[in-house]
């Protein structure tokens, strides 16, 4: 990657904060026909479960009940839709590029968690590029490089009884959609042909997902409003996740 050839970023995963209610949250998704990976422990002290889809996934992230929170960046996050994570094939180069562009980025972070692959215990490894100052206030954004993708996208985790397989669209709200468009298009190296602007909304077309920015003047910061999942790219949306999904947990 150099300044004349910028990387095209795909969407990697959506983070849903479960706080200390991860079990109840995973049970709710399970009753909707999703298969979840077993609980795994990160080297940073958090726990997670994943809903694996064709080219992206949903991460349920939290910590064990009655134990102190070890990850500072999630300790004060509310339960619900929380972070957008984009995929990079070289975390260090992404860090360097974002730094040159003026974004406030932290040094590349190493993450790992245990898993199982073909009957053996394995270590799933990642590198993350996080921001010291979020580029879009109100939404956590970071980049992830998968060092062991074969341990993440296992066929056995891709089969859901509801037959849903594709993360189709994520809608965010913003008090200033033009500013949000500029930030995200710079962040993701999007050309104008991948941006569809309308009066009240803007669509950003990534290789594997659509990001929709909706205007909401009464909000002071951006928020993730909803997530839509379908069976194939040609299907209408079959399942939507929004704030109502997290009530009564």
Protein backbone atom coordinates (compact mmCIF):
# COMPACT_ATOMS: atom_id res chain seq x y z
CA UNK A 1 0.00 0.00 0.00
CA UNK A 2 1.36 3.43 -0.90
CA UNK A 3 -0.12 6.86 -1.20
CA UNK A 4 -0.96 6.30 -4.87
CA UNK A 5 -2.56 2.92 -4.29
CA UNK A 6 -4.80 3.01 -1.24
CA UNK A 7 -6.31 -0.14 0.16
CA UNK A 8 -9.99 -0.86 -0.44
CA UNK A 9 -11.53 -1.80 2.89
CA UNK A 10 -14.27 -4.38 3.35
CA UNK A 11 -16.48 -4.53 6.39
CA UNK A 12 -15.21 -7.05 8.93
CA UNK A 13 -17.58 -7.15 11.87
CA UNK A 14 -20.13 -5.34 13.98
CA UNK A 15 -19.62 -5.19 17.73
CA UNK A 16 -22.58 -5.50 20.08
CA UNK A 17 -21.78 -4.76 23.71
CA UNK A 18 -23.35 -7.27 26.07
CA UNK A 19 -21.60 -6.02 29.20
CA UNK A 20 -22.10 -8.70 31.92
CA UNK A 21 -25.28 -9.99 30.22
CA UNK A 22 -23.55 -11.86 27.41
CA UNK A 23 -25.28 -15.15 28.22
CA UNK A 24 -28.78 -13.62 28.09
CA UNK A 25 -27.92 -11.76 24.88
CA UNK A 26 -26.57 -14.87 23.17
CA UNK A 27 -29.66 -16.82 24.23
CA UNK A 28 -31.89 -14.19 22.63
CA UNK A 29 -30.02 -14.50 19.33
CA UNK A 30 -30.12 -18.28 19.60
CA UNK A 31 -33.92 -18.27 19.96
CA UNK A 32 -34.04 -16.27 16.70
CA UNK A 33 -32.31 -19.12 14.87
CA UNK A 34 -28.68 -18.00 14.97
CA UNK A 35 -25.85 -20.37 15.82
CA UNK A 36 -23.23 -18.79 18.05
CA UNK A 37 -19.64 -19.79 18.64
CA UNK A 38 -18.72 -20.92 22.17
CA UNK A 39 -17.67 -18.28 24.69
CA UNK A 40 -14.02 -17.34 24.19
CA UNK A 41 -11.64 -15.36 26.37
CA UNK A 42 -9.44 -12.59 24.95
CA UNK A 43 -5.93 -11.91 26.12
CA UNK A 44 -7.23 -8.44 27.09
CA UNK A 45 -9.69 -9.89 29.61
CA UNK A 46 -12.98 -9.66 27.73
CA UNK A 47 -15.18 -12.52 26.53
CA UNK A 48 -17.10 -12.89 23.28
CA UNK A 49 -19.35 -15.01 21.11
CA UNK A 50 -19.69 -14.65 17.36
CA UNK A 51 -22.47 -14.93 14.79
CA UNK A 52 -20.59 -15.87 11.63
CA UNK A 53 -21.98 -14.77 8.27
CA UNK A 54 -20.70 -15.12 4.70
CA UNK A 55 -18.14 -12.31 4.56
CA UNK A 56 -18.59 -10.56 7.90
CA UNK A 57 -19.72 -11.39 11.41
CA UNK A 58 -21.36 -10.02 14.54
CA UNK A 59 -19.38 -10.02 17.76
CA UNK A 60 -21.16 -10.12 21.12
CA UNK A 61 -18.60 -8.62 23.50
CA UNK A 62 -18.63 -8.36 27.26
CA UNK A 63 -17.17 -9.64 30.48
CA UNK A 64 -17.93 -12.30 33.03
CA UNK A 65 -20.50 -11.41 35.71
CA UNK A 66 -19.19 -10.47 39.16
CA UNK A 67 -15.68 -9.86 37.82
CA UNK A 68 -13.93 -6.51 37.37
CA UNK A 69 -13.87 -5.12 33.84
CA UNK A 70 -10.33 -5.33 32.47
CA UNK A 71 -10.83 -3.59 29.11
CA UNK A 72 -11.04 0.13 29.76
CA UNK A 73 -12.40 1.00 26.28
CA UNK A 74 -15.58 -1.04 26.79
CA UNK A 75 -16.17 -0.57 30.52
CA UNK A 76 -18.44 2.45 30.10
CA UNK A 77 -20.09 1.40 26.84
CA UNK A 78 -23.85 0.90 26.91
CA UNK A 79 -25.46 -2.42 26.03
CA UNK A 80 -26.33 -2.54 22.32
CA UNK A 81 -24.98 -1.72 18.87
CA UNK A 82 -21.54 -0.29 19.45
CA UNK A 83 -18.72 -0.48 16.91
CA UNK A 84 -17.96 -0.74 13.19
CA UNK A 85 -14.86 -2.75 12.37
CA UNK A 86 -13.26 -2.69 8.93
CA UNK A 87 -10.90 -5.30 7.50
CA UNK A 88 -7.30 -4.65 6.59
CA UNK A 89 -4.73 -7.06 5.19
CA UNK A 90 -1.87 -5.09 6.75
CA UNK A 91 -2.54 -3.38 10.08
CA UNK A 92 0.82 -1.61 10.21
CA UNK A 93 0.36 -0.03 6.78
CA UNK A 94 -3.18 0.98 7.68
CA UNK A 95 -1.83 2.63 10.83
CA UNK A 96 0.80 4.49 8.78
CA UNK A 97 -1.72 5.60 6.15
CA UNK A 98 -4.25 6.85 8.70
CA UNK A 99 -1.49 8.70 10.56
CA UNK A 100 -0.41 10.45 7.36
CA UNK A 101 -4.02 11.46 6.73
CA UNK A 102 -4.23 13.15 10.12
CA UNK A 103 -6.34 10.63 12.04
CA UNK A 104 -5.48 10.09 15.72
CA UNK A 105 -4.49 6.43 15.77
CA UNK A 106 -2.92 4.24 18.44
CA UNK A 107 -0.05 1.84 17.71
CA UNK A 108 -1.09 -1.54 16.32
CA UNK A 109 -2.51 -3.77 19.03
CA UNK A 110 -2.11 -7.57 19.23
CA UNK A 111 -5.16 -9.59 20.24
CA UNK A 112 -5.81 -13.30 20.63
CA UNK A 113 -8.38 -15.73 21.95
CA UNK A 114 -8.64 -19.47 22.23
CA UNK A 115 -10.77 -21.57 19.86
CA UNK A 116 -11.10 -25.06 18.42
CA UNK A 117 -10.31 -26.21 14.90
CA UNK A 118 -10.68 -29.79 13.61
CA UNK A 119 -10.79 -31.10 17.15
CA UNK A 120 -7.70 -29.26 18.34
CA UNK A 121 -7.23 -26.20 20.54
CA UNK A 122 -5.91 -23.23 18.56
CA UNK A 123 -5.12 -19.58 19.15
CA UNK A 124 -7.02 -17.09 17.01
CA UNK A 125 -4.80 -14.07 16.38
CA UNK A 126 -5.58 -10.52 15.23
CA UNK A 127 -4.02 -7.11 14.91
CA UNK A 128 -6.14 -4.03 15.54
CA UNK A 129 -5.75 -0.38 14.64
CA UNK A 130 -7.72 1.76 17.08
CA UNK A 131 -8.19 5.49 17.43
CA UNK A 132 -7.21 7.69 20.38
CA UNK A 133 -9.84 10.13 19.10
CA UNK A 134 -12.75 8.57 17.26
CA UNK A 135 -13.16 9.93 13.71
CA UNK A 136 -16.95 9.80 14.03
CA UNK A 137 -17.93 10.85 17.57
CA UNK A 138 -20.55 8.53 19.04
CA UNK A 139 -19.45 5.36 17.21
CA UNK A 140 -16.40 3.25 17.94
CA UNK A 141 -14.49 2.47 14.74
CA UNK A 142 -11.37 0.39 14.25
CA UNK A 143 -9.59 -1.84 11.75
CA UNK A 144 -8.81 -5.54 12.12
CA UNK A 145 -6.25 -7.76 10.42
CA UNK A 146 -6.96 -11.49 10.69
CA UNK A 147 -3.78 -13.52 11.06
CA UNK A 148 -5.68 -16.83 11.33
CA UNK A 149 -8.90 -16.37 9.33
CA UNK A 150 -9.30 -20.13 8.85
CA UNK A 151 -10.05 -20.41 12.57
CA UNK A 152 -12.72 -17.71 12.39
CA UNK A 153 -14.72 -18.61 9.25
CA UNK A 154 -15.30 -22.29 9.98
CA UNK A 155 -18.06 -23.98 7.97
CA UNK A 156 -19.75 -25.35 11.08
CA UNK A 157 -20.38 -21.83 12.37
CA UNK A 158 -21.88 -20.56 9.11
CA UNK A 159 -25.05 -22.65 9.29
CA UNK A 160 -28.02 -21.00 11.00
CA UNK A 161 -31.46 -22.59 11.34
CA UNK A 162 -33.05 -19.31 10.16
CA UNK A 163 -30.95 -19.59 6.95
CA UNK A 164 -29.71 -16.00 7.32
CA UNK A 165 -26.20 -15.64 5.95
CA UNK A 166 -25.47 -12.09 4.83
CA UNK A 167 -24.94 -8.84 6.71
CA UNK A 168 -26.58 -6.59 4.15
CA UNK A 169 -26.83 -3.08 5.54
CA UNK A 170 -25.92 -1.03 8.59
CA UNK A 171 -27.72 2.26 9.16
CA UNK A 172 -26.17 4.99 11.25
CA UNK A 173 -27.66 8.31 12.30
CA UNK A 174 -25.75 11.57 12.18
CA UNK A 175 -26.54 15.20 12.92
CA UNK A 176 -24.45 16.13 9.85
CA UNK A 177 -24.56 13.51 7.11
CA UNK A 178 -22.25 15.44 4.78
CA UNK A 179 -19.54 15.63 7.39
CA UNK A 180 -19.99 11.93 8.25
CA UNK A 181 -19.76 11.08 4.55
CA UNK A 182 -16.51 13.01 4.20
CA UNK A 183 -14.97 11.35 7.24
CA UNK A 184 -15.99 7.81 6.27
CA UNK A 185 -15.08 8.20 2.59
CA UNK A 186 -11.58 9.41 3.59
CA UNK A 187 -11.25 6.72 6.22
CA UNK A 188 -12.27 3.93 3.82
CA UNK A 189 -10.72 5.34 0.61
CA UNK A 190 -14.09 5.43 -1.13
CA UNK A 191 -14.38 6.96 -4.59
CA UNK A 192 -17.41 9.02 -5.65
CA UNK A 193 -18.84 6.12 -7.64
CA UNK A 194 -19.35 4.26 -4.36
CA UNK A 195 -21.28 7.12 -2.75
CA UNK A 196 -24.99 7.77 -3.40
CA UNK A 197 -26.22 11.05 -1.91
CA UNK A 198 -29.83 11.99 -1.26
CA UNK A 199 -31.36 14.84 0.72
CA UNK A 200 -31.95 12.91 3.95
CA UNK A 201 -29.51 10.03 3.58
CA UNK A 202 -26.23 8.91 2.00
CA UNK A 203 -25.28 5.38 0.98
CA UNK A 204 -21.68 4.19 1.07
CA UNK A 205 -21.15 1.05 -0.98
CA UNK A 206 -18.38 -1.18 0.36
CA UNK A 207 -17.27 -4.43 -1.32
CA UNK A 208 -19.42 -6.55 0.99
CA UNK A 209 -21.94 -4.26 2.69
CA UNK A 210 -23.89 -1.03 2.41
CA UNK A 211 -23.51 1.71 5.02
CA UNK A 212 -26.48 4.05 5.16
CA UNK A 213 -26.15 7.45 6.88
CA UNK A 214 -29.46 9.01 7.94
CA UNK A 215 -29.93 12.61 9.01
CA UNK A 216 -31.07 13.08 12.62
CA UNK A 217 -30.62 16.70 13.71
CA UNK A 218 -31.85 16.02 17.27
CA UNK A 219 -28.84 13.75 17.94
CA UNK A 220 -25.59 15.40 19.07
CA UNK A 221 -23.44 12.47 17.94
CA UNK A 222 -23.57 9.65 15.43
CA UNK A 223 -25.13 6.34 16.48
CA UNK A 224 -25.59 2.89 14.96
CA UNK A 225 -29.33 2.76 14.37
CA UNK A 226 -29.94 -0.69 12.90
CA UNK A 227 -28.42 -3.76 11.27
CA UNK A 228 -30.12 -5.75 8.53
CA UNK A 229 -29.40 -9.39 7.75
CA UNK A 230 -30.76 -11.43 4.83
CA UNK A 231 -30.42 -14.86 3.23
CA UNK A 232 -28.73 -13.78 -0.01
CA UNK A 233 -27.72 -10.51 -1.64
CA UNK A 234 -30.91 -10.62 -3.77
CA UNK A 235 -33.31 -11.12 -0.87
CA UNK A 236 -35.20 -8.40 0.96
CA UNK A 237 -34.14 -7.94 4.56
CA UNK A 238 -35.24 -10.86 6.70
CA UNK A 239 -34.00 -9.77 10.12
CA UNK A 240 -33.29 -6.39 11.69
CA UNK A 241 -31.48 -5.52 14.91
CA UNK A 242 -32.13 -2.15 16.55
CA UNK A 243 -32.43 -0.74 20.07
CA UNK A 244 -35.70 -2.60 20.71
CA UNK A 245 -33.88 -5.92 20.43
CA UNK A 246 -31.95 -5.22 23.64
CA UNK A 247 -34.91 -4.41 25.85
CA UNK A 248 -35.69 -6.68 28.82
CA UNK A 249 -32.30 -8.34 28.95
